[in-house]
């Protein structure tokens, strides 16, 4: 039950983040709005990683994402952050993975 509550709280926070950054009330975020929303939500991505995230969650290459892909993106980032932290015992921000560990981490982010 606690996992459900934590997920519900996370989704509420991401909803608020989306609504706050959808400045033109179009129902979608352009890349600048998306980057600002993700940063405000605590996801610090370097530009190359952010560009790839936008490509992955904006398959039509419109340069913006709607609510559902935004939520999917934040859920993926949350999962990736959790998987990364599992391997970053020293909290250095760097990990060294062998192929099996990488597959394990990636498989948990589907």
PDB file of N, CA and C in Angstrom:
ATOM      1  N   UNK A   1       0.821  -1.190   0.000  1.00  0.00           N
ATOM      2  CA  UNK A   1       0.000   0.000   0.000  1.00  0.00           C
ATOM      3  C   UNK A   1       0.873   1.264   0.000  1.00  0.00           C
ATOM      4  N   UNK A   2       2.015   1.193   0.680  1.00  0.00           N
ATOM      5  CA  UNK A   2       2.899   2.349   0.735  1.00  0.00           C
ATOM      6  C   UNK A   2       3.483   2.657  -0.642  1.00  0.00           C
ATOM      7  N   UNK A   3       3.785   1.613  -1.433  1.00  0.00           N
ATOM      8  CA  UNK A   3       4.273   1.826  -2.796  1.00  0.00           C
ATOM      9  C   UNK A   3       3.238   2.560  -3.630  1.00  0.00           C
ATOM     10  N   UNK A   4       1.972   2.178  -3.471  1.00  0.00           N
ATOM     11  CA  UNK A   4       0.898   2.838  -4.206  1.00  0.00           C
ATOM     12  C   UNK A   4       0.807   4.310  -3.818  1.00  0.00           C
ATOM     13  N   UNK A   5       0.901   4.591  -2.529  1.00  0.00           N
ATOM     14  CA  UNK A   5       0.837   5.983  -2.061  1.00  0.00           C
ATOM     15  C   UNK A   5       2.003   6.802  -2.615  1.00  0.00           C
ATOM     16  N   UNK A   6       3.188   6.205  -2.611  1.00  0.00           N
ATOM     17  CA  UNK A   6       4.367   6.907  -3.138  1.00  0.00           C
ATOM     18  C   UNK A   6       4.207   7.168  -4.631  1.00  0.00           C
ATOM     19  N   UNK A   7       3.693   6.195  -5.368  1.00  0.00           N
ATOM     20  CA  UNK A   7       3.455   6.388  -6.799  1.00  0.00           C
ATOM     21  C   UNK A   7       2.395   7.453  -7.029  1.00  0.00           C
ATOM     22  N   UNK A   8       1.333   7.406  -6.257  1.00  0.00           N
ATOM     23  CA  UNK A   8       0.265   8.402  -6.384  1.00  0.00           C
ATOM     24  C   UNK A   8       0.798   9.809  -6.113  1.00  0.00           C
ATOM     25  N   UNK A   9       1.597   9.958  -5.082  1.00  0.00           N
ATOM     26  CA  UNK A   9       2.192  11.261  -4.754  1.00  0.00           C
ATOM     27  C   UNK A   9       3.094  11.734  -5.895  1.00  0.00           C
ATOM     28  N   UNK A  10       3.914  10.829  -6.424  1.00  0.00           N
ATOM     29  CA  UNK A  10       4.795  11.168  -7.533  1.00  0.00           C
ATOM     30  C   UNK A  10       3.979  11.635  -8.738  1.00  0.00           C
ATOM     31  N   UNK A  11       2.932  10.897  -9.083  1.00  0.00           N
ATOM     32  CA  UNK A  11       2.100  11.269 -10.235  1.00  0.00           C
ATOM     33  C   UNK A  11       1.408  12.617 -10.022  1.00  0.00           C
ATOM     34  N   UNK A  12       0.969  12.886  -8.814  1.00  0.00           N
ATOM     35  CA  UNK A  12       0.371  14.195  -8.515  1.00  0.00           C
ATOM     36  C   UNK A  12       1.396  15.308  -8.717  1.00  0.00           C
ATOM     37  N   UNK A  13       2.616  15.084  -8.240  1.00  0.00           N
ATOM     38  CA  UNK A  13       3.670  16.082  -8.403  1.00  0.00           C
ATOM     39  C   UNK A  13       4.003  16.305  -9.876  1.00  0.00           C
ATOM     40  N   UNK A  14       4.052  15.230 -10.653  1.00  0.00           N
ATOM     41  CA  UNK A  14       4.353  15.361 -12.084  1.00  0.00           C
ATOM     42  C   UNK A  14       3.204  16.049 -12.818  1.00  0.00           C
ATOM     43  N   UNK A  15       1.965  15.797 -12.393  1.00  0.00           N
ATOM     44  CA  UNK A  15       0.818  16.488 -12.973  1.00  0.00           C
ATOM     45  C   UNK A  15       0.915  17.980 -12.709  1.00  0.00           C
ATOM     46  N   UNK A  16       1.229  18.349 -11.487  1.00  0.00           N
ATOM     47  CA  UNK A  16       1.381  19.767 -11.143  1.00  0.00           C
ATOM     48  C   UNK A  16       2.515  20.394 -11.946  1.00  0.00           C
ATOM     49  N   UNK A  17       3.599  19.670 -12.095  1.00  0.00           N
ATOM     50  CA  UNK A  17       4.736  20.166 -12.859  1.00  0.00           C
ATOM     51  C   UNK A  17       4.333  20.404 -14.315  1.00  0.00           C
ATOM     52  N   UNK A  18       3.612  19.449 -14.895  1.00  0.00           N
ATOM     53  CA  UNK A  18       3.160  19.593 -16.283  1.00  0.00           C
ATOM     54  C   UNK A  18       2.254  20.826 -16.412  1.00  0.00           C
ATOM     55  N   UNK A  19       1.268  20.918 -15.541  1.00  0.00           N
ATOM     56  CA  UNK A  19       0.316  22.036 -15.617  1.00  0.00           C
ATOM     57  C   UNK A  19       1.009  23.385 -15.444  1.00  0.00           C
ATOM     58  N   UNK A  20       1.952  23.465 -14.529  1.00  0.00           N
ATOM     59  CA  UNK A  20       2.653  24.717 -14.267  1.00  0.00           C
ATOM     60  C   UNK A  20       3.490  25.150 -15.472  1.00  0.00           C
ATOM     61  N   UNK A  21       4.064  24.197 -16.183  1.00  0.00           N
ATOM     62  CA  UNK A  21       4.960  24.542 -17.288  1.00  0.00           C
ATOM     63  C   UNK A  21       4.263  24.590 -18.645  1.00  0.00           C
ATOM     64  N   UNK A  22       3.016  24.187 -18.716  1.00  0.00           N
ATOM     65  CA  UNK A  22       2.240  24.309 -19.949  1.00  0.00           C
ATOM     66  C   UNK A  22       1.705  25.740 -20.008  1.00  0.00           C
ATOM     67  N   UNK A  23       2.601  26.663 -20.299  1.00  0.00           N
ATOM     68  CA  UNK A  23       2.296  28.087 -20.183  1.00  0.00           C
ATOM     69  C   UNK A  23       1.221  28.568 -21.142  1.00  0.00           C
ATOM     70  N   UNK A  24       1.148  27.975 -22.313  1.00  0.00           N
ATOM     71  CA  UNK A  24       0.136  28.416 -23.281  1.00  0.00           C
ATOM     72  C   UNK A  24      -1.151  27.594 -23.192  1.00  0.00           C
ATOM     73  N   UNK A  25      -1.201  26.670 -22.228  1.00  0.00           N
ATOM     74  CA  UNK A  25      -2.362  25.818 -22.000  1.00  0.00           C
ATOM     75  C   UNK A  25      -2.774  25.035 -23.248  1.00  0.00           C
ATOM     76  N   UNK A  26      -1.771  24.584 -23.993  1.00  0.00           N
ATOM     77  CA  UNK A  26      -2.020  23.839 -25.224  1.00  0.00           C
ATOM     78  C   UNK A  26      -2.239  22.355 -24.969  1.00  0.00           C
ATOM     79  N   UNK A  27      -1.923  21.893 -23.759  1.00  0.00           N
ATOM     80  CA  UNK A  27      -2.026  20.474 -23.461  1.00  0.00           C
ATOM     81  C   UNK A  27      -0.763  19.716 -23.819  1.00  0.00           C
ATOM     82  N   UNK A  28       0.267  20.465 -24.199  1.00  0.00           N
ATOM     83  CA  UNK A  28       1.557  19.841 -24.497  1.00  0.00           C
ATOM     84  C   UNK A  28       2.671  20.783 -24.071  1.00  0.00           C
ATOM     85  N   UNK A  29       3.854  20.211 -23.914  1.00  0.00           N
ATOM     86  CA  UNK A  29       5.031  20.981 -23.534  1.00  0.00           C
ATOM     87  C   UNK A  29       6.019  20.971 -24.686  1.00  0.00           C
ATOM     88  N   UNK A  30       6.530  22.157 -25.034  1.00  0.00           N
ATOM     89  CA  UNK A  30       7.612  22.179 -26.025  1.00  0.00           C
ATOM     90  C   UNK A  30       8.894  21.764 -25.313  1.00  0.00           C
ATOM     91  N   UNK A  31       9.988  21.694 -26.042  1.00  0.00           N
ATOM     92  CA  UNK A  31      11.214  21.171 -25.431  1.00  0.00           C
ATOM     93  C   UNK A  31      11.706  22.061 -24.288  1.00  0.00           C
ATOM     94  N   UNK A  32      11.574  23.374 -24.415  1.00  0.00           N
ATOM     95  CA  UNK A  32      12.008  24.256 -23.321  1.00  0.00           C
ATOM     96  C   UNK A  32      11.134  24.067 -22.085  1.00  0.00           C
ATOM     97  N   UNK A  33       9.815  23.970 -22.284  1.00  0.00           N
ATOM     98  CA  UNK A  33       8.904  23.747 -21.161  1.00  0.00           C
ATOM     99  C   UNK A  33       9.169  22.380 -20.523  1.00  0.00           C
ATOM    100  N   UNK A  34       9.419  21.371 -21.365  1.00  0.00           N
ATOM    101  CA  UNK A  34       9.693  20.030 -20.853  1.00  0.00           C
ATOM    102  C   UNK A  34      10.965  20.026 -20.016  1.00  0.00           C
ATOM    103  N   UNK A  35      12.011  20.662 -20.528  1.00  0.00           N
ATOM    104  CA  UNK A  35      13.275  20.708 -19.775  1.00  0.00           C
ATOM    105  C   UNK A  35      13.078  21.421 -18.445  1.00  0.00           C
ATOM    106  N   UNK A  36      12.361  22.533 -18.454  1.00  0.00           N
ATOM    107  CA  UNK A  36      12.104  23.275 -17.210  1.00  0.00           C
ATOM    108  C   UNK A  36      11.292  22.430 -16.234  1.00  0.00           C
ATOM    109  N   UNK A  37      10.290  21.716 -16.733  1.00  0.00           N
ATOM    110  CA  UNK A  37       9.450  20.885 -15.871  1.00  0.00           C
ATOM    111  C   UNK A  37      10.267  19.745 -15.261  1.00  0.00           C
ATOM    112  N   UNK A  38      11.089  19.102 -16.061  1.00  0.00           N
ATOM    113  CA  UNK A  38      11.914  18.003 -15.550  1.00  0.00           C
ATOM    114  C   UNK A  38      12.927  18.506 -14.524  1.00  0.00           C
ATOM    115  N   UNK A  39      13.520  19.644 -14.793  1.00  0.00           N
ATOM    116  CA  UNK A  39      14.489  20.221 -13.855  1.00  0.00           C
ATOM    117  C   UNK A  39      13.799  20.559 -12.542  1.00  0.00           C
ATOM    118  N   UNK A  40      12.631  21.183 -12.634  1.00  0.00           N
ATOM    119  CA  UNK A  40      11.872  21.534 -11.430  1.00  0.00           C
ATOM    120  C   UNK A  40      11.478  20.280 -10.656  1.00  0.00           C
ATOM    121  N   UNK A  41      11.253  19.177 -11.377  1.00  0.00           N
ATOM    122  CA  UNK A  41      10.878  17.912 -10.745  1.00  0.00           C
ATOM    123  C   UNK A  41      12.079  17.180 -10.159  1.00  0.00           C
ATOM    124  N   UNK A  42      13.284  17.715 -10.355  1.00  0.00           N
ATOM    125  CA  UNK A  42      14.472  17.127  -9.752  1.00  0.00           C
ATOM    126  C   UNK A  42      15.319  16.271 -10.669  1.00  0.00           C
ATOM    127  N   UNK A  43      14.964  16.222 -11.955  1.00  0.00           N
ATOM    128  CA  UNK A  43      15.742  15.443 -12.909  1.00  0.00           C
ATOM    129  C   UNK A  43      16.738  16.362 -13.598  1.00  0.00           C
ATOM    130  N   UNK A  44      18.003  16.162 -13.324  1.00  0.00           N
ATOM    131  CA  UNK A  44      19.060  16.982 -13.911  1.00  0.00           C
ATOM    132  C   UNK A  44      19.682  16.221 -15.076  1.00  0.00           C
ATOM    133  N   UNK A  45      19.339  16.636 -16.277  1.00  0.00           N
ATOM    134  CA  UNK A  45      19.852  15.958 -17.466  1.00  0.00           C
ATOM    135  C   UNK A  45      20.731  16.895 -18.266  1.00  0.00           C
ATOM    136  N   UNK A  46      21.879  16.391 -18.680  1.00  0.00           N
ATOM    137  CA  UNK A  46      22.712  17.158 -19.603  1.00  0.00           C
ATOM    138  C   UNK A  46      21.999  17.208 -20.949  1.00  0.00           C
ATOM    139  N   UNK A  47      22.318  18.209 -21.752  1.00  0.00           N
ATOM    140  CA  UNK A  47      21.614  18.450 -23.011  1.00  0.00           C
ATOM    141  C   UNK A  47      21.543  17.227 -23.932  1.00  0.00           C
ATOM    142  N   UNK A  48      22.651  16.492 -24.164  1.00  0.00           N
ATOM    143  CA  UNK A  48      22.544  15.315 -25.048  1.00  0.00           C
ATOM    144  C   UNK A  48      21.546  14.273 -24.530  1.00  0.00           C
ATOM    145  N   UNK A  49      21.539  14.041 -23.231  1.00  0.00           N
ATOM    146  CA  UNK A  49      20.594  13.075 -22.653  1.00  0.00           C
ATOM    147  C   UNK A  49      19.163  13.584 -22.794  1.00  0.00           C
ATOM    148  N   UNK A  50      18.964  14.875 -22.566  1.00  0.00           N
ATOM    149  CA  UNK A  50      17.615  15.442 -22.706  1.00  0.00           C
ATOM    150  C   UNK A  50      17.120  15.334 -24.147  1.00  0.00           C
ATOM    151  N   UNK A  51      17.978  15.617 -25.100  1.00  0.00           N
ATOM    152  CA  UNK A  51      17.587  15.530 -26.514  1.00  0.00           C
ATOM    153  C   UNK A  51      17.160  14.106 -26.859  1.00  0.00           C
ATOM    154  N   UNK A  52      17.902  13.113 -26.386  1.00  0.00           N
ATOM    155  CA  UNK A  52      17.524  11.723 -26.649  1.00  0.00           C
ATOM    156  C   UNK A  52      16.212  11.358 -25.962  1.00  0.00           C
ATOM    157  N   UNK A  53      15.996  11.881 -24.760  1.00  0.00           N
ATOM    158  CA  UNK A  53      14.714  11.633 -24.076  1.00  0.00           C
ATOM    159  C   UNK A  53      13.561  12.214 -24.891  1.00  0.00           C
ATOM    160  N   UNK A  54      13.735  13.413 -25.402  1.00  0.00           N
ATOM    161  CA  UNK A  54      12.676  14.023 -26.221  1.00  0.00           C
ATOM    162  C   UNK A  54      12.426  13.181 -27.471  1.00  0.00           C
ATOM    163  N   UNK A  55      13.489  12.699 -28.096  1.00  0.00           N
ATOM    164  CA  UNK A  55      13.315  11.846 -29.285  1.00  0.00           C
ATOM    165  C   UNK A  55      12.551  10.576 -28.943  1.00  0.00           C
ATOM    166  N   UNK A  56      12.866   9.997 -27.813  1.00  0.00           N
ATOM    167  CA  UNK A  56      12.227   8.742 -27.418  1.00  0.00           C
ATOM    168  C   UNK A  56      10.744   8.921 -27.101  1.00  0.00           C
ATOM    169  N   UNK A  57      10.396  10.064 -26.517  1.00  0.00           N
ATOM    170  CA  UNK A  57       9.014  10.267 -26.087  1.00  0.00           C
ATOM    171  C   UNK A  57       8.234  11.198 -27.013  1.00  0.00           C
ATOM    172  N   UNK A  58       8.850  11.647 -28.074  1.00  0.00           N
ATOM    173  CA  UNK A  58       8.203  12.448 -29.122  1.00  0.00           C
ATOM    174  C   UNK A  58       8.492  11.781 -30.465  1.00  0.00           C
ATOM    175  N   UNK A  59       7.945  10.571 -30.677  1.00  0.00           N
ATOM    176  CA  UNK A  59       8.295   9.821 -31.885  1.00  0.00           C
ATOM    177  C   UNK A  59       7.889  10.508 -33.192  1.00  0.00           C
ATOM    178  N   UNK A  60       6.931  11.414 -33.151  1.00  0.00           N
ATOM    179  CA  UNK A  60       6.512  12.129 -34.362  1.00  0.00           C
ATOM    180  C   UNK A  60       7.392  13.346 -34.641  1.00  0.00           C
ATOM    181  N   UNK A  61       8.350  13.607 -33.751  1.00  0.00           N
ATOM    182  CA  UNK A  61       9.317  14.699 -33.902  1.00  0.00           C
ATOM    183  C   UNK A  61       8.628  16.065 -34.072  1.00  0.00           C
ATOM    184  N   UNK A  62       7.628  16.306 -33.241  1.00  0.00           N
ATOM    185  CA  UNK A  62       6.928  17.587 -33.279  1.00  0.00           C
ATOM    186  C   UNK A  62       7.604  18.640 -32.406  1.00  0.00           C
ATOM    187  N   UNK A  63       8.557  18.206 -31.598  1.00  0.00           N
ATOM    188  CA  UNK A  63       9.231  19.140 -30.706  1.00  0.00           C
ATOM    189  C   UNK A  63       8.439  19.444 -29.453  1.00  0.00           C
ATOM    190  N   UNK A  64       7.425  18.641 -29.191  1.00  0.00           N
ATOM    191  CA  UNK A  64       6.638  18.796 -27.972  1.00  0.00           C
ATOM    192  C   UNK A  64       6.025  17.459 -27.587  1.00  0.00           C
ATOM    193  N   UNK A  65       5.661  17.352 -26.324  1.00  0.00           N
ATOM    194  CA  UNK A  65       5.024  16.130 -25.849  1.00  0.00           C
ATOM    195  C   UNK A  65       3.762  16.483 -25.081  1.00  0.00           C
ATOM    196  N   UNK A  66       2.786  15.607 -25.193  1.00  0.00           N
ATOM    197  CA  UNK A  66       1.531  15.797 -24.472  1.00  0.00           C
ATOM    198  C   UNK A  66       1.647  15.179 -23.077  1.00  0.00           C
ATOM    199  N   UNK A  67       0.564  15.222 -22.351  1.00  0.00           N
ATOM    200  CA  UNK A  67       0.563  14.791 -20.956  1.00  0.00           C
ATOM    201  C   UNK A  67       0.987  13.330 -20.778  1.00  0.00           C
ATOM    202  N   UNK A  68       0.378  12.405 -21.512  1.00  0.00           N
ATOM    203  CA  UNK A  68       0.675  10.979 -21.321  1.00  0.00           C
ATOM    204  C   UNK A  68       2.154  10.660 -21.584  1.00  0.00           C
ATOM    205  N   UNK A  69       2.742  11.143 -22.692  1.00  0.00           N
ATOM    206  CA  UNK A  69       4.171  10.883 -22.872  1.00  0.00           C
ATOM    207  C   UNK A  69       5.040  11.554 -21.803  1.00  0.00           C
ATOM    208  N   UNK A  70       4.612  12.711 -21.306  1.00  0.00           N
ATOM    209  CA  UNK A  70       5.362  13.373 -20.229  1.00  0.00           C
ATOM    210  C   UNK A  70       5.368  12.492 -18.979  1.00  0.00           C
ATOM    211  N   UNK A  71       4.209  11.962 -18.634  1.00  0.00           N
ATOM    212  CA  UNK A  71       4.132  11.087 -17.462  1.00  0.00           C
ATOM    213  C   UNK A  71       4.979   9.838 -17.689  1.00  0.00           C
ATOM    214  N   UNK A  72       4.902   9.258 -18.888  1.00  0.00           N
ATOM    215  CA  UNK A  72       5.728   8.087 -19.204  1.00  0.00           C
ATOM    216  C   UNK A  72       7.210   8.425 -19.074  1.00  0.00           C
ATOM    217  N   UNK A  73       7.601   9.616 -19.538  1.00  0.00           N
ATOM    218  CA  UNK A  73       8.995  10.047 -19.448  1.00  0.00           C
ATOM    219  C   UNK A  73       9.425  10.164 -17.994  1.00  0.00           C
ATOM    220  N   UNK A  74       8.601  10.770 -17.161  1.00  0.00           N
ATOM    221  CA  UNK A  74       8.982  10.951 -15.761  1.00  0.00           C
ATOM    222  C   UNK A  74       9.011   9.618 -15.019  1.00  0.00           C
ATOM    223  N   UNK A  75       8.110   8.701 -15.373  1.00  0.00           N
ATOM    224  CA  UNK A  75       8.157   7.376 -14.756  1.00  0.00           C
ATOM    225  C   UNK A  75       9.430   6.639 -15.160  1.00  0.00           C
ATOM    226  N   UNK A  76       9.810   6.757 -16.431  1.00  0.00           N
ATOM    227  CA  UNK A  76      11.058   6.152 -16.885  1.00  0.00           C
ATOM    228  C   UNK A  76      12.244   6.754 -16.134  1.00  0.00           C
ATOM    229  N   UNK A  77      12.274   8.078 -16.026  1.00  0.00           N
ATOM    230  CA  UNK A  77      13.383   8.739 -15.329  1.00  0.00           C
ATOM    231  C   UNK A  77      13.449   8.326 -13.867  1.00  0.00           C
ATOM    232  N   UNK A  78      12.297   8.202 -13.241  1.00  0.00           N
ATOM    233  CA  UNK A  78      12.263   7.781 -11.837  1.00  0.00           C
ATOM    234  C   UNK A  78      12.819   6.368 -11.703  1.00  0.00           C
ATOM    235  N   UNK A  79      12.400   5.487 -12.588  1.00  0.00           N
ATOM    236  CA  UNK A  79      12.889   4.108 -12.571  1.00  0.00           C
ATOM    237  C   UNK A  79      14.390   4.069 -12.842  1.00  0.00           C
ATOM    238  N   UNK A  80      14.831   4.830 -13.840  1.00  0.00           N
ATOM    239  CA  UNK A  80      16.257   4.867 -14.173  1.00  0.00           C
ATOM    240  C   UNK A  80      17.076   5.401 -12.999  1.00  0.00           C
ATOM    241  N   UNK A  81      16.564   6.431 -12.341  1.00  0.00           N
ATOM    242  CA  UNK A  81      17.266   6.990 -11.184  1.00  0.00           C
ATOM    243  C   UNK A  81      17.374   5.952 -10.068  1.00  0.00           C
ATOM    244  N   UNK A  82      16.295   5.222  -9.826  1.00  0.00           N
ATOM    245  CA  UNK A  82      16.323   4.183  -8.791  1.00  0.00           C
ATOM    246  C   UNK A  82      17.314   3.081  -9.146  1.00  0.00           C
ATOM    247  N   UNK A  83      17.321   2.650 -10.415  1.00  0.00           N
ATOM    248  CA  UNK A  83      18.257   1.607 -10.845  1.00  0.00           C
ATOM    249  C   UNK A  83      19.689   2.102 -10.729  1.00  0.00           C
ATOM    250  N   UNK A  84      19.923   3.344 -11.134  1.00  0.00           N
ATOM    251  CA  UNK A  84      21.269   3.909 -11.054  1.00  0.00           C
ATOM    252  C   UNK A  84      21.742   3.957  -9.604  1.00  0.00           C
ATOM    253  N   UNK A  85      20.870   4.432  -8.730  1.00  0.00           N
ATOM    254  CA  UNK A  85      21.240   4.541  -7.319  1.00  0.00           C
ATOM    255  C   UNK A  85      21.574   3.191  -6.702  1.00  0.00           C
ATOM    256  N   UNK A  86      20.936   2.129  -7.200  1.00  0.00           N
ATOM    257  CA  UNK A  86      21.233   0.789  -6.681  1.00  0.00           C
ATOM    258  C   UNK A  86      22.688   0.396  -6.956  1.00  0.00           C
ATOM    259  N   UNK A  87      23.267   0.925  -8.027  1.00  0.00           N
ATOM    260  CA  UNK A  87      24.648   0.613  -8.381  1.00  0.00           C
ATOM    261  C   UNK A  87      25.636   1.688  -7.929  1.00  0.00           C
ATOM    262  N   UNK A  88      25.137   2.812  -7.469  1.00  0.00           N
ATOM    263  CA  UNK A  88      25.984   3.924  -7.040  1.00  0.00           C
ATOM    264  C   UNK A  88      26.043   3.959  -5.511  1.00  0.00           C
ATOM    265  N   UNK A  89      26.610   2.914  -4.946  1.00  0.00           N
ATOM    266  CA  UNK A  89      26.637   2.773  -3.484  1.00  0.00           C
ATOM    267  C   UNK A  89      27.331   3.946  -2.799  1.00  0.00           C
ATOM    268  N   UNK A  90      28.374   4.484  -3.414  1.00  0.00           N
ATOM    269  CA  UNK A  90      29.112   5.588  -2.815  1.00  0.00           C
ATOM    270  C   UNK A  90      28.506   6.950  -3.106  1.00  0.00           C
ATOM    271  N   UNK A  91      27.404   6.972  -3.837  1.00  0.00           N
ATOM    272  CA  UNK A  91      26.702   8.219  -4.218  1.00  0.00           C
ATOM    273  C   UNK A  91      27.656   9.210  -4.890  1.00  0.00           C
ATOM    274  N   UNK A  92      28.459   8.669  -5.819  1.00  0.00           N
ATOM    275  CA  UNK A  92      29.421   9.505  -6.539  1.00  0.00           C
ATOM    276  C   UNK A  92      28.852  10.102  -7.819  1.00  0.00           C
ATOM    277  N   UNK A  93      27.726   9.545  -8.277  1.00  0.00           N
ATOM    278  CA  UNK A  93      27.163   9.993  -9.544  1.00  0.00           C
ATOM    279  C   UNK A  93      27.754   9.257 -10.732  1.00  0.00           C
ATOM    280  N   UNK A  94      28.525   8.218 -10.456  1.00  0.00           N
ATOM    281  CA  UNK A  94      29.141   7.406 -11.511  1.00  0.00           C
ATOM    282  C   UNK A  94      29.025   5.939 -11.123  1.00  0.00           C
ATOM    283  N   UNK A  95      28.814   5.098 -12.140  1.00  0.00           N
ATOM    284  CA  UNK A  95      28.765   3.657 -11.895  1.00  0.00           C
ATOM    285  C   UNK A  95      29.589   2.941 -12.957  1.00  0.00           C
ATOM    286  N   UNK A  96      30.024   1.745 -12.614  1.00  0.00           N
ATOM    287  CA  UNK A  96      30.757   0.881 -13.533  1.00  0.00           C
ATOM    288  C   UNK A  96      29.970  -0.423 -13.593  1.00  0.00           C
ATOM    289  N   UNK A  97      29.346  -0.692 -14.746  1.00  0.00           N
ATOM    290  CA  UNK A  97      28.501  -1.873 -14.889  1.00  0.00           C
ATOM    291  C   UNK A  97      29.077  -2.839 -15.905  1.00  0.00           C
ATOM    292  N   UNK A  98      28.944  -4.119 -15.608  1.00  0.00           N
ATOM    293  CA  UNK A  98      29.215  -5.083 -16.660  1.00  0.00           C
ATOM    294  C   UNK A  98      27.917  -5.257 -17.454  1.00  0.00           C
ATOM    295  N   UNK A  99      27.961  -6.043 -18.519  1.00  0.00           N
ATOM    296  CA  UNK A  99      26.809  -6.162 -19.397  1.00  0.00           C
ATOM    297  C   UNK A  99      25.586  -6.727 -18.670  1.00  0.00           C
ATOM    298  N   UNK A 100      25.781  -7.732 -17.847  1.00  0.00           N
ATOM    299  CA  UNK A 100      24.660  -8.329 -17.106  1.00  0.00           C
ATOM    300  C   UNK A 100      24.011  -7.321 -16.165  1.00  0.00           C
ATOM    301  N   UNK A 101      24.822  -6.517 -15.496  1.00  0.00           N
ATOM    302  CA  UNK A 101      24.275  -5.497 -14.610  1.00  0.00           C
ATOM    303  C   UNK A 101      23.502  -4.446 -15.407  1.00  0.00           C
ATOM    304  N   UNK A 102      24.032  -4.074 -16.564  1.00  0.00           N
ATOM    305  CA  UNK A 102      23.337  -3.117 -17.410  1.00  0.00           C
ATOM    306  C   UNK A 102      21.974  -3.666 -17.839  1.00  0.00           C
ATOM    307  N   UNK A 103      21.942  -4.922 -18.271  1.00  0.00           N
ATOM    308  CA  UNK A 103      20.686  -5.550 -18.688  1.00  0.00           C
ATOM    309  C   UNK A 103      19.711  -5.601 -17.510  1.00  0.00           C
ATOM    310  N   UNK A 104      20.204  -5.941 -16.340  1.00  0.00           N
ATOM    311  CA  UNK A 104      19.362  -5.953 -15.146  1.00  0.00           C
ATOM    312  C   UNK A 104      18.740  -4.574 -14.916  1.00  0.00           C
ATOM    313  N   UNK A 105      19.566  -3.539 -14.948  1.00  0.00           N
ATOM    314  CA  UNK A 105      19.072  -2.184 -14.698  1.00  0.00           C
ATOM    315  C   UNK A 105      18.090  -1.754 -15.785  1.00  0.00           C
ATOM    316  N   UNK A 106      18.438  -2.004 -17.047  1.00  0.00           N
ATOM    317  CA  UNK A 106      17.562  -1.599 -18.154  1.00  0.00           C
ATOM    318  C   UNK A 106      16.245  -2.362 -18.120  1.00  0.00           C
ATOM    319  N   UNK A 107      16.272  -3.623 -17.758  1.00  0.00           N
ATOM    320  CA  UNK A 107      15.063  -4.435 -17.723  1.00  0.00           C
ATOM    321  C   UNK A 107      14.079  -3.948 -16.666  1.00  0.00           C
ATOM    322  N   UNK A 108      14.598  -3.311 -15.648  1.00  0.00           N
ATOM    323  CA  UNK A 108      13.729  -2.798 -14.593  1.00  0.00           C
ATOM    324  C   UNK A 108      13.142  -1.444 -14.919  1.00  0.00           C
ATOM    325  N   UNK A 109      13.432  -0.924 -16.086  1.00  0.00           N
ATOM    326  CA  UNK A 109      12.912   0.397 -16.471  1.00  0.00           C
ATOM    327  C   UNK A 109      11.964   0.295 -17.653  1.00  0.00           C
ATOM    328  N   UNK A 110      11.324  -0.829 -17.814  1.00  0.00           N
ATOM    329  CA  UNK A 110      10.366  -0.981 -18.911  1.00  0.00           C
ATOM    330  C   UNK A 110       8.995  -0.601 -18.462  1.00  0.00           C
TER     331      UNK A 110
END
